Amino acid sequence: MISHVNTGLYILGPGETAQDVAAKVYNDVHRYPALLKANDPCKWEAGDIIKVHNVAGRIATVKQGETTTELIGRMYKGHMPHQFIDKYLLWNNGKLAEELVGTEIFIPER
């Protein structure tokens, strides 16, 4: 199932802080307090899934045997998957779909 949402999910990488995430997802490091508030009591450890408010996109759960290209194609039918690969990698800690089976992932629309 594909869900259209206004709250993104960001998978933290090693050593990433709220400031790092704000710079990546909002292009504004100063918006990090909103991330801290939305994710209290998160420990901010690698692999944690961070809620990012006010970012429109789509969420889906990765199916067993599904490749990244297949997942993107399922989430954005009628679009070329390569249009979304950089966004997919940014929001999902650079992990391929094959590494995230059973995990809800997010890809922003813009």
PDB file of N, CA and C in Angstrom:
ATOM      1  N   MET A   1       0.837  -1.175   0.000  1.00  0.00           N
ATOM      2  CA  MET A   1       0.000   0.000   0.000  1.00  0.00           C
ATOM      3  C   MET A   1       0.889   1.249   0.000  1.00  0.00           C
ATOM      4  N   ILE A   2       0.494   2.225  -0.779  1.00  0.00           N
ATOM      5  CA  ILE A   2       1.220   3.495  -0.860  1.00  0.00           C
ATOM      6  C   ILE A   2       0.385   4.548  -0.144  1.00  0.00           C
ATOM      7  N   SER A   3       1.005   5.285   0.753  1.00  0.00           N
ATOM      8  CA  SER A   3       0.314   6.365   1.463  1.00  0.00           C
ATOM      9  C   SER A   3       0.898   7.704   1.049  1.00  0.00           C
ATOM     10  N   HIS A   4       0.027   8.655   0.775  1.00  0.00           N
ATOM     11  CA  HIS A   4       0.439  10.030   0.506  1.00  0.00           C
ATOM     12  C   HIS A   4       0.421  10.745   1.855  1.00  0.00           C
ATOM     13  N   VAL A   5       1.539  11.363   2.220  1.00  0.00           N
ATOM     14  CA  VAL A   5       1.676  11.948   3.559  1.00  0.00           C
ATOM     15  C   VAL A   5       2.292  13.342   3.496  1.00  0.00           C
ATOM     16  N   ASN A   6       2.172  14.051   4.605  1.00  0.00           N
ATOM     17  CA  ASN A   6       2.819  15.358   4.766  1.00  0.00           C
ATOM     18  C   ASN A   6       3.869  15.328   5.870  1.00  0.00           C
ATOM     19  N   THR A   7       4.166  14.132   6.347  1.00  0.00           N
ATOM     20  CA  THR A   7       5.229  13.940   7.335  1.00  0.00           C
ATOM     21  C   THR A   7       6.159  12.864   6.800  1.00  0.00           C
ATOM     22  N   GLY A   8       7.402  13.260   6.557  1.00  0.00           N
ATOM     23  CA  GLY A   8       8.377  12.326   6.023  1.00  0.00           C
ATOM     24  C   GLY A   8       9.008  11.475   7.105  1.00  0.00           C
ATOM     25  N   LEU A   9       9.646  10.397   6.670  1.00  0.00           N
ATOM     26  CA  LEU A   9      10.407   9.517   7.547  1.00  0.00           C
ATOM     27  C   LEU A   9      11.840   9.495   7.045  1.00  0.00           C
ATOM     28  N   TYR A  10      12.773   9.809   7.920  1.00  0.00           N
ATOM     29  CA  TYR A  10      14.184   9.898   7.566  1.00  0.00           C
ATOM     30  C   TYR A  10      14.943   8.884   8.408  1.00  0.00           C
ATOM     31  N   ILE A  11      15.744   8.030   7.772  1.00  0.00           N
ATOM     32  CA  ILE A  11      16.541   7.046   8.505  1.00  0.00           C
ATOM     33  C   ILE A  11      17.902   7.653   8.825  1.00  0.00           C
ATOM     34  N   LEU A  12      18.208   7.752  10.115  1.00  0.00           N
ATOM     35  CA  LEU A  12      19.474   8.358  10.550  1.00  0.00           C
ATOM     36  C   LEU A  12      20.677   7.504  10.197  1.00  0.00           C
ATOM     37  N   GLY A  13      21.724   8.183   9.767  1.00  0.00           N
ATOM     38  CA  GLY A  13      23.012   7.548   9.530  1.00  0.00           C
ATOM     39  C   GLY A  13      23.906   7.718  10.748  1.00  0.00           C
ATOM     40  N   PRO A  14      25.037   7.046  10.776  1.00  0.00           N
ATOM     41  CA  PRO A  14      25.959   7.145  11.908  1.00  0.00           C
ATOM     42  C   PRO A  14      26.407   8.584  12.163  1.00  0.00           C
ATOM     43  N   GLY A  15      26.286   9.024  13.409  1.00  0.00           N
ATOM     44  CA  GLY A  15      26.763  10.337  13.820  1.00  0.00           C
ATOM     45  C   GLY A  15      25.904  11.517  13.398  1.00  0.00           C
ATOM     46  N   GLU A  16      24.786  11.280  12.725  1.00  0.00           N
ATOM     47  CA  GLU A  16      23.948  12.405  12.286  1.00  0.00           C
ATOM     48  C   GLU A  16      23.225  13.043  13.465  1.00  0.00           C
ATOM     49  N   THR A  17      23.160  14.360  13.416  1.00  0.00           N
ATOM     50  CA  THR A  17      22.484  15.139  14.449  1.00  0.00           C
ATOM     51  C   THR A  17      21.225  15.768  13.865  1.00  0.00           C
ATOM     52  N   ALA A  18      20.425  16.368  14.727  1.00  0.00           N
ATOM     53  CA  ALA A  18      19.227  17.077  14.267  1.00  0.00           C
ATOM     54  C   ALA A  18      19.615  18.202  13.305  1.00  0.00           C
ATOM     55  N   GLN A  19      20.737  18.849  13.559  1.00  0.00           N
ATOM     56  CA  GLN A  19      21.202  19.915  12.679  1.00  0.00           C
ATOM     57  C   GLN A  19      21.543  19.367  11.291  1.00  0.00           C
ATOM     58  N   ASP A  20      22.203  18.215  11.254  1.00  0.00           N
ATOM     59  CA  ASP A  20      22.548  17.583   9.972  1.00  0.00           C
ATOM     60  C   ASP A  20      21.283  17.263   9.170  1.00  0.00           C
ATOM     61  N   VAL A  21      20.305  16.695   9.848  1.00  0.00           N
ATOM     62  CA  VAL A  21      19.063  16.309   9.170  1.00  0.00           C
ATOM     63  C   VAL A  21      18.319  17.539   8.677  1.00  0.00           C
ATOM     64  N   ALA A  22      18.233  18.577   9.508  1.00  0.00           N
ATOM     65  CA  ALA A  22      17.551  19.812   9.097  1.00  0.00           C
ATOM     66  C   ALA A  22      18.201  20.407   7.850  1.00  0.00           C
ATOM     67  N   ALA A  23      19.516  20.387   7.810  1.00  0.00           N
ATOM     68  CA  ALA A  23      20.222  20.921   6.641  1.00  0.00           C
ATOM     69  C   ALA A  23      19.899  20.111   5.385  1.00  0.00           C
ATOM     70  N   LYS A  24      19.784  18.793   5.532  1.00  0.00           N
ATOM     71  CA  LYS A  24      19.512  17.935   4.380  1.00  0.00           C
ATOM     72  C   LYS A  24      18.065  18.003   3.909  1.00  0.00           C
ATOM     73  N   VAL A  25      17.116  17.936   4.844  1.00  0.00           N
ATOM     74  CA  VAL A  25      15.716  17.801   4.440  1.00  0.00           C
ATOM     75  C   VAL A  25      14.986  19.127   4.281  1.00  0.00           C
ATOM     76  N   TYR A  26      15.417  20.146   5.015  1.00  0.00           N
ATOM     77  CA  TYR A  26      14.796  21.462   4.919  1.00  0.00           C
ATOM     78  C   TYR A  26      15.685  22.480   4.212  1.00  0.00           C
ATOM     79  N   ASN A  27      16.947  22.104   3.977  1.00  0.00           N
ATOM     80  CA  ASN A  27      17.942  23.049   3.462  1.00  0.00           C
ATOM     81  C   ASN A  27      18.081  24.245   4.394  1.00  0.00           C
ATOM     82  N   ASP A  28      17.914  24.002   5.688  1.00  0.00           N
ATOM     83  CA  ASP A  28      17.973  25.069   6.691  1.00  0.00           C
ATOM     84  C   ASP A  28      18.328  24.464   8.041  1.00  0.00           C
ATOM     85  N   VAL A  29      19.587  24.567   8.415  1.00  0.00           N
ATOM     86  CA  VAL A  29      20.064  23.990   9.678  1.00  0.00           C
ATOM     87  C   VAL A  29      19.318  24.566  10.886  1.00  0.00           C
ATOM     88  N   HIS A  30      18.794  25.768  10.770  1.00  0.00           N
ATOM     89  CA  HIS A  30      18.129  26.428  11.889  1.00  0.00           C
ATOM     90  C   HIS A  30      16.754  25.838  12.215  1.00  0.00           C
ATOM     91  N   ARG A  31      16.277  24.930  11.400  1.00  0.00           N
ATOM     92  CA  ARG A  31      14.978  24.303  11.658  1.00  0.00           C
ATOM     93  C   ARG A  31      15.102  23.030  12.505  1.00  0.00           C
ATOM     94  N   TYR A  32      16.285  22.766  13.035  1.00  0.00           N
ATOM     95  CA  TYR A  32      16.485  21.550  13.814  1.00  0.00           C
ATOM     96  C   TYR A  32      15.615  21.464  15.066  1.00  0.00           C
ATOM     97  N   PRO A  33      15.245  22.586  15.730  1.00  0.00           N
ATOM     98  CA  PRO A  33      14.387  22.438  16.918  1.00  0.00           C
ATOM     99  C   PRO A  33      13.049  21.753  16.615  1.00  0.00           C
ATOM    100  N   ALA A  34      12.512  21.961  15.427  1.00  0.00           N
ATOM    101  CA  ALA A  34      11.258  21.294  15.040  1.00  0.00           C
ATOM    102  C   ALA A  34      11.456  19.781  14.973  1.00  0.00           C
ATOM    103  N   LEU A  35      12.616  19.354  14.511  1.00  0.00           N
ATOM    104  CA  LEU A  35      12.908  17.921  14.454  1.00  0.00           C
ATOM    105  C   LEU A  35      13.037  17.331  15.856  1.00  0.00           C
ATOM    106  N   LEU A  36      13.721  18.057  16.736  1.00  0.00           N
ATOM    107  CA  LEU A  36      13.862  17.579  18.109  1.00  0.00           C
ATOM    108  C   LEU A  36      12.496  17.448  18.777  1.00  0.00           C
ATOM    109  N   LYS A  37      11.647  18.444  18.592  1.00  0.00           N
ATOM    110  CA  LYS A  37      10.316  18.434  19.203  1.00  0.00           C
ATOM    111  C   LYS A  37       9.468  17.285  18.652  1.00  0.00           C
ATOM    112  N   ALA A  38       9.495  17.070  17.348  1.00  0.00           N
ATOM    113  CA  ALA A  38       8.680  16.034  16.718  1.00  0.00           C
ATOM    114  C   ALA A  38       9.156  14.624  17.055  1.00  0.00           C
ATOM    115  N   ASN A  39      10.379  14.488  17.527  1.00  0.00           N
ATOM    116  CA  ASN A  39      10.961  13.171  17.753  1.00  0.00           C
ATOM    117  C   ASN A  39      11.388  12.920  19.190  1.00  0.00           C
ATOM    118  N   ASP A  40      10.843  13.679  20.109  1.00  0.00           N
ATOM    119  CA  ASP A  40      11.125  13.455  21.526  1.00  0.00           C
ATOM    120  C   ASP A  40      10.423  12.169  21.954  1.00  0.00           C
ATOM    121  N   PRO A  41      11.026  11.229  22.535  1.00  0.00           N
ATOM    122  CA  PRO A  41      12.333  11.161  23.178  1.00  0.00           C
ATOM    123  C   PRO A  41      13.387  10.398  22.378  1.00  0.00           C
ATOM    124  N   CYS A  42      13.482  10.573  21.103  1.00  0.00           N
ATOM    125  CA  CYS A  42      14.445   9.868  20.260  1.00  0.00           C
ATOM    126  C   CYS A  42      15.870  10.029  20.782  1.00  0.00           C
ATOM    127  N   LYS A  43      16.668   8.962  20.670  1.00  0.00           N
ATOM    128  CA  LYS A  43      18.065   8.994  21.115  1.00  0.00           C
ATOM    129  C   LYS A  43      19.015   9.493  20.030  1.00  0.00           C
ATOM    130  N   TRP A  44      18.522   9.635  18.788  1.00  0.00           N
ATOM    131  CA  TRP A  44      19.319  10.100  17.652  1.00  0.00           C
ATOM    132  C   TRP A  44      20.514   9.179  17.410  1.00  0.00           C
ATOM    133  N   GLU A  45      20.190   7.890  17.258  1.00  0.00           N
ATOM    134  CA  GLU A  45      21.205   6.879  16.956  1.00  0.00           C
ATOM    135  C   GLU A  45      21.015   6.370  15.535  1.00  0.00           C
ATOM    136  N   ALA A  46      22.087   5.918  14.925  1.00  0.00           N
ATOM    137  CA  ALA A  46      22.028   5.381  13.560  1.00  0.00           C
ATOM    138  C   ALA A  46      20.921   4.333  13.460  1.00  0.00           C
ATOM    139  N   GLY A  47      20.113   4.464  12.412  1.00  0.00           N
ATOM    140  CA  GLY A  47      19.010   3.537  12.190  1.00  0.00           C
ATOM    141  C   GLY A  47      17.680   4.020  12.726  1.00  0.00           C
ATOM    142  N   ASP A  48      17.692   5.020  13.619  1.00  0.00           N
ATOM    143  CA  ASP A  48      16.429   5.580  14.118  1.00  0.00           C
ATOM    144  C   ASP A  48      15.670   6.207  12.954  1.00  0.00           C
ATOM    145  N   ILE A  49      14.355   6.115  13.009  1.00  0.00           N
ATOM    146  CA  ILE A  49      13.518   6.724  11.978  1.00  0.00           C
ATOM    147  C   ILE A  49      12.947   8.016  12.545  1.00  0.00           C
ATOM    148  N   ILE A  50      13.282   9.116  11.892  1.00  0.00           N
ATOM    149  CA  ILE A  50      12.944  10.466  12.334  1.00  0.00           C
ATOM    150  C   ILE A  50      11.738  10.982  11.559  1.00  0.00           C
ATOM    151  N   LYS A  51      10.776  11.551  12.280  1.00  0.00           N
ATOM    152  CA  LYS A  51       9.629  12.198  11.634  1.00  0.00           C
ATOM    153  C   LYS A  51      10.028  13.606  11.206  1.00  0.00           C
ATOM    154  N   VAL A  52       9.663  13.951   9.977  1.00  0.00           N
ATOM    155  CA  VAL A  52       9.975  15.273   9.430  1.00  0.00           C
ATOM    156  C   VAL A  52       8.664  15.883   8.944  1.00  0.00           C
ATOM    157  N   HIS A  53       8.123  16.811   9.736  1.00  0.00           N
ATOM    158  CA  HIS A  53       6.843  17.433   9.410  1.00  0.00           C
ATOM    159  C   HIS A  53       6.950  18.385   8.222  1.00  0.00           C
ATOM    160  N   ASN A  54       5.829  18.562   7.546  1.00  0.00           N
ATOM    161  CA  ASN A  54       5.686  19.526   6.442  1.00  0.00           C
ATOM    162  C   ASN A  54       6.527  19.195   5.221  1.00  0.00           C
ATOM    163  N   VAL A  55       6.666  17.911   4.935  1.00  0.00           N
ATOM    164  CA  VAL A  55       7.328  17.466   3.712  1.00  0.00           C
ATOM    165  C   VAL A  55       6.406  16.441   3.054  1.00  0.00           C
ATOM    166  N   ALA A  56       5.838  16.801   1.915  1.00  0.00           N
ATOM    167  CA  ALA A  56       4.918  15.910   1.211  1.00  0.00           C
ATOM    168  C   ALA A  56       5.679  14.815   0.481  1.00  0.00           C
ATOM    169  N   GLY A  57       5.113  13.634   0.506  1.00  0.00           N
ATOM    170  CA  GLY A  57       5.722  12.516  -0.195  1.00  0.00           C
ATOM    171  C   GLY A  57       4.886  11.273  -0.075  1.00  0.00           C
ATOM    172  N   ARG A  58       5.533  10.151  -0.277  1.00  0.00           N
ATOM    173  CA  ARG A  58       4.840   8.870  -0.245  1.00  0.00           C
ATOM    174  C   ARG A  58       5.610   7.882   0.621  1.00  0.00           C
ATOM    175  N   ILE A  59       4.833   7.039   1.302  1.00  0.00           N
ATOM    176  CA  ILE A  59       5.399   6.013   2.169  1.00  0.00           C
ATOM    177  C   ILE A  59       4.926   4.652   1.683  1.00  0.00           C
ATOM    178  N   ALA A  60       5.837   3.684   1.701  1.00  0.00           N
ATOM    179  CA  ALA A  60       5.508   2.299   1.381  1.00  0.00           C
ATOM    180  C   ALA A  60       6.419   1.386   2.189  1.00  0.00           C
ATOM    181  N   THR A  61       5.971   0.177   2.386  1.00  0.00           N
ATOM    182  CA  THR A  61       6.783  -0.834   3.054  1.00  0.00           C
ATOM    183  C   THR A  61       7.476  -1.664   1.985  1.00  0.00           C
ATOM    184  N   VAL A  62       8.780  -1.867   2.155  1.00  0.00           N
ATOM    185  CA  VAL A  62       9.576  -2.629   1.194  1.00  0.00           C
ATOM    186  C   VAL A  62       9.188  -4.110   1.280  1.00  0.00           C
ATOM    187  N   LYS A  63       8.872  -4.689   0.128  1.00  0.00           N
ATOM    188  CA  LYS A  63       8.491  -6.096   0.043  1.00  0.00           C
ATOM    189  C   LYS A  63       9.720  -6.991  -0.154  1.00  0.00           C
ATOM    190  N   GLN A  64       9.620  -8.224   0.323  1.00  0.00           N
ATOM    191  CA  GLN A  64      10.683  -9.216   0.134  1.00  0.00           C
ATOM    192  C   GLN A  64      10.967  -9.372  -1.352  1.00  0.00           C
ATOM    193  N   GLY A  65      12.241  -9.318  -1.746  1.00  0.00           N
ATOM    194  CA  GLY A  65      12.648  -9.513  -3.126  1.00  0.00           C
ATOM    195  C   GLY A  65      12.520  -8.282  -4.006  1.00  0.00           C
ATOM    196  N   GLU A  66      12.045  -7.181  -3.445  1.00  0.00           N
ATOM    197  CA  GLU A  66      11.842  -5.951  -4.220  1.00  0.00           C
ATOM    198  C   GLU A  66      13.145  -5.161  -4.315  1.00  0.00           C
ATOM    199  N   THR A  67      13.478  -4.719  -5.505  1.00  0.00           N
ATOM    200  CA  THR A  67      14.671  -3.892  -5.685  1.00  0.00           C
ATOM    201  C   THR A  67      14.299  -2.429  -5.450  1.00  0.00           C
ATOM    202  N   THR A  68      15.295  -1.605  -5.326  1.00  0.00           N
ATOM    203  CA  THR A  68      15.065  -0.173  -5.147  1.00  0.00           C
ATOM    204  C   THR A  68      14.312   0.402  -6.334  1.00  0.00           C
ATOM    205  N   THR A  69      14.710   0.032  -7.527  1.00  0.00           N
ATOM    206  CA  THR A  69      14.039   0.523  -8.736  1.00  0.00           C
ATOM    207  C   THR A  69      12.577   0.072  -8.779  1.00  0.00           C
ATOM    208  N   GLU A  70      12.326  -1.170  -8.413  1.00  0.00           N
ATOM    209  CA  GLU A  70      10.942  -1.671  -8.382  1.00  0.00           C
ATOM    210  C   GLU A  70      10.113  -0.936  -7.344  1.00  0.00           C
ATOM    211  N   LEU A  71      10.690  -0.691  -6.184  1.00  0.00           N
ATOM    212  CA  LEU A  71       9.993   0.033  -5.122  1.00  0.00           C
ATOM    213  C   LEU A  71       9.628   1.441  -5.570  1.00  0.00           C
ATOM    214  N   ILE A  72      10.591   2.145  -6.128  1.00  0.00           N
ATOM    215  CA  ILE A  72      10.328   3.510  -6.603  1.00  0.00           C
ATOM    216  C   ILE A  72       9.261   3.477  -7.698  1.00  0.00           C
ATOM    217  N   GLY A  73       9.349   2.515  -8.603  1.00  0.00           N
ATOM    218  CA  GLY A  73       8.356   2.379  -9.660  1.00  0.00           C
ATOM    219  C   GLY A  73       6.960   2.125  -9.114  1.00  0.00           C
ATOM    220  N   ARG A  74       6.871   1.360  -8.035  1.00  0.00           N
ATOM    221  CA  ARG A  74       5.578   1.085  -7.396  1.00  0.00           C
ATOM    222  C   ARG A  74       5.036   2.338  -6.709  1.00  0.00           C
ATOM    223  N   MET A  75       5.920   3.093  -6.103  1.00  0.00           N
ATOM    224  CA  MET A  75       5.496   4.289  -5.372  1.00  0.00           C
ATOM    225  C   MET A  75       5.132   5.439  -6.300  1.00  0.00           C
ATOM    226  N   TYR A  76       5.832   5.540  -7.404  1.00  0.00           N
ATOM    227  CA  TYR A  76       5.630   6.642  -8.348  1.00  0.00           C
ATOM    228  C   TYR A  76       5.359   6.092  -9.745  1.00  0.00           C
ATOM    229  N   LYS A  77       4.221   5.426  -9.879  1.00  0.00           N
ATOM    230  CA  LYS A  77       3.822   4.861 -11.180  1.00  0.00           C
ATOM    231  C   LYS A  77       3.738   5.968 -12.223  1.00  0.00           C
ATOM    232  N   GLY A  78       4.185   5.647 -13.425  1.00  0.00           N
ATOM    233  CA  GLY A  78       4.135   6.613 -14.513  1.00  0.00           C
ATOM    234  C   GLY A  78       5.324   7.557 -14.550  1.00  0.00           C
ATOM    235  N   HIS A  79       6.219   7.436 -13.573  1.00  0.00           N
ATOM    236  CA  HIS A  79       7.435   8.254 -13.534  1.00  0.00           C
ATOM    237  C   HIS A  79       8.637   7.337 -13.716  1.00  0.00           C
ATOM    238  N   MET A  80       9.705   7.887 -14.190  1.00  0.00           N
ATOM    239  CA  MET A  80      10.943   7.127 -14.332  1.00  0.00           C
ATOM    240  C   MET A  80      11.622   7.035 -12.959  1.00  0.00           C
ATOM    241  N   PRO A  81      11.944   5.820 -12.487  1.00  0.00           N
ATOM    242  CA  PRO A  81      12.555   5.673 -11.163  1.00  0.00           C
ATOM    243  C   PRO A  81      13.809   6.508 -10.948  1.00  0.00           C
ATOM    244  N   HIS A  82      14.605   6.725 -12.019  1.00  0.00           N
ATOM    245  CA  HIS A  82      15.842   7.489 -11.843  1.00  0.00           C
ATOM    246  C   HIS A  82      15.560   8.926 -11.385  1.00  0.00           C
ATOM    247  N   GLN A  83      14.347   9.424 -11.596  1.00  0.00           N
ATOM    248  CA  GLN A  83      13.993  10.773 -11.148  1.00  0.00           C
ATOM    249  C   GLN A  83      13.965  10.870  -9.620  1.00  0.00           C
ATOM    250  N   PHE A  84      13.822   9.734  -8.945  1.00  0.00           N
ATOM    251  CA  PHE A  84      13.645   9.735  -7.495  1.00  0.00           C
ATOM    252  C   PHE A  84      14.783   9.061  -6.737  1.00  0.00           C
ATOM    253  N   ILE A  85      15.753   8.499  -7.436  1.00  0.00           N
ATOM    254  CA  ILE A  85      16.794   7.719  -6.762  1.00  0.00           C
ATOM    255  C   ILE A  85      17.613   8.552  -5.780  1.00  0.00           C
ATOM    256  N   ASP A  86      17.996   9.761  -6.151  1.00  0.00           N
ATOM    257  CA  ASP A  86      18.785  10.591  -5.232  1.00  0.00           C
ATOM    258  C   ASP A  86      17.990  10.933  -3.978  1.00  0.00           C
ATOM    259  N   LYS A  87      16.705  11.249  -4.147  1.00  0.00           N
ATOM    260  CA  LYS A  87      15.846  11.550  -2.993  1.00  0.00           C
ATOM    261  C   LYS A  87      15.692  10.309  -2.123  1.00  0.00           C
ATOM    262  N   TYR A  88      15.465   9.171  -2.767  1.00  0.00           N
ATOM    263  CA  TYR A  88      15.332   7.915  -2.028  1.00  0.00           C
ATOM    264  C   TYR A  88      16.581   7.678  -1.167  1.00  0.00           C
ATOM    265  N   LEU A  89      17.759   7.773  -1.776  1.00  0.00           N
ATOM    266  CA  LEU A  89      19.004   7.511  -1.060  1.00  0.00           C
ATOM    267  C   LEU A  89      19.227   8.510   0.073  1.00  0.00           C
ATOM    268  N   LEU A  90      18.919   9.780  -0.149  1.00  0.00           N
ATOM    269  CA  LEU A  90      19.096  10.804   0.888  1.00  0.00           C
ATOM    270  C   LEU A  90      18.250  10.490   2.116  1.00  0.00           C
ATOM    271  N   TRP A  91      16.996  10.178   1.906  1.00  0.00           N
ATOM    272  CA  TRP A  91      16.056   9.982   3.015  1.00  0.00           C
ATOM    273  C   TRP A  91      16.192   8.623   3.692  1.00  0.00           C
ATOM    274  N   ASN A  92      16.840   7.670   3.041  1.00  0.00           N
ATOM    275  CA  ASN A  92      16.905   6.304   3.568  1.00  0.00           C
ATOM    276  C   ASN A  92      18.329   5.855   3.844  1.00  0.00           C
ATOM    277  N   ASN A  93      19.168   6.817   4.229  1.00  0.00           N
ATOM    278  CA  ASN A  93      20.529   6.558   4.687  1.00  0.00           C
ATOM    279  C   ASN A  93      21.374   5.810   3.661  1.00  0.00           C
ATOM    280  N   GLY A  94      21.079   6.026   2.385  1.00  0.00           N
ATOM    281  CA  GLY A  94      21.865   5.405   1.340  1.00  0.00           C
ATOM    282  C   GLY A  94      21.659   3.903   1.207  1.00  0.00           C
ATOM    283  N   LYS A  95      20.695   3.355   1.931  1.00  0.00           N
ATOM    284  CA  LYS A  95      20.458   1.907   1.903  1.00  0.00           C
ATOM    285  C   LYS A  95      19.529   1.545   0.753  1.00  0.00           C
ATOM    286  N   LEU A  96      19.842   0.462   0.087  1.00  0.00           N
ATOM    287  CA  LEU A  96      18.998  -0.045  -0.981  1.00  0.00           C
ATOM    288  C   LEU A  96      17.778  -0.733  -0.374  1.00  0.00           C
ATOM    289  N   ALA A  97      16.725  -0.842  -1.166  1.00  0.00           N
ATOM    290  CA  ALA A  97      15.492  -1.473  -0.695  1.00  0.00           C
ATOM    291  C   ALA A  97      15.759  -2.894  -0.182  1.00  0.00           C
ATOM    292  N   GLU A  98      16.672  -3.594  -0.824  1.00  0.00           N
ATOM    293  CA  GLU A  98      16.992  -4.960  -0.431  1.00  0.00           C
ATOM    294  C   GLU A  98      17.467  -5.054   1.014  1.00  0.00           C
ATOM    295  N   GLU A  99      18.003  -3.945   1.549  1.00  0.00           N
ATOM    296  CA  GLU A  99      18.484  -3.905   2.930  1.00  0.00           C
ATOM    297  C   GLU A  99      17.393  -3.473   3.902  1.00  0.00           C
ATOM    298  N   LEU A 100      16.256  -3.047   3.386  1.00  0.00           N
ATOM    299  CA  LEU A 100      15.201  -2.470   4.231  1.00  0.00           C
ATOM    300  C   LEU A 100      13.881  -3.234   4.138  1.00  0.00           C
ATOM    301  N   VAL A 101      13.933  -4.505   3.800  1.00  0.00           N
ATOM    302  CA  VAL A 101      12.716  -5.314   3.671  1.00  0.00           C
ATOM    303  C   VAL A 101      11.904  -5.223   4.963  1.00  0.00           C
ATOM    304  N   GLY A 102      10.610  -4.931   4.805  1.00  0.00           N
ATOM    305  CA  GLY A 102       9.715  -4.814   5.961  1.00  0.00           C
ATOM    306  C   GLY A 102       9.702  -3.441   6.598  1.00  0.00           C
ATOM    307  N   THR A 103      10.539  -2.539   6.123  1.00  0.00           N
ATOM    308  CA  THR A 103      10.646  -1.192   6.678  1.00  0.00           C
ATOM    309  C   THR A 103       9.798  -0.223   5.874  1.00  0.00           C
ATOM    310  N   GLU A 104       9.104   0.682   6.568  1.00  0.00           N
ATOM    311  CA  GLU A 104       8.405   1.770   5.889  1.00  0.00           C
ATOM    312  C   GLU A 104       9.436   2.781   5.439  1.00  0.00           C
ATOM    313  N   ILE A 105       9.421   3.123   4.175  1.00  0.00           N
ATOM    314  CA  ILE A 105      10.352   4.129   3.671  1.00  0.00           C
ATOM    315  C   ILE A 105       9.549   5.287   3.063  1.00  0.00           C
ATOM    316  N   PHE A 106      10.217   6.414   2.979  1.00  0.00           N
ATOM    317  CA  PHE A 106       9.610   7.640   2.499  1.00  0.00           C
ATOM    318  C   PHE A 106      10.415   8.173   1.326  1.00  0.00           C
ATOM    319  N   ILE A 107       9.710   8.691   0.335  1.00  0.00           N
ATOM    320  CA  ILE A 107      10.355   9.430  -0.753  1.00  0.00           C
ATOM    321  C   ILE A 107       9.556  10.727  -0.946  1.00  0.00           C
ATOM    322  N   PRO A 108      10.229  11.884  -0.829  1.00  0.00           N
ATOM    323  CA  PRO A 108       9.510  13.140  -1.001  1.00  0.00           C
ATOM    324  C   PRO A 108       9.090  13.361  -2.449  1.00  0.00           C
ATOM    325  N   GLU A 109       8.022  14.121  -2.612  1.00  0.00           N
ATOM    326  CA  GLU A 109       7.536  14.425  -3.962  1.00  0.00           C
ATOM    327  C   GLU A 109       8.377  15.490  -4.644  1.00  0.00           C
ATOM    328  N   ARG A 110       9.000  16.348  -3.898  1.00  0.00           N
ATOM    329  CA  ARG A 110       9.845  17.409  -4.471  1.00  0.00           C
ATOM    330  C   ARG A 110      11.254  17.279  -4.017  1.00  0.00           C
TER     331      ARG A 110
END
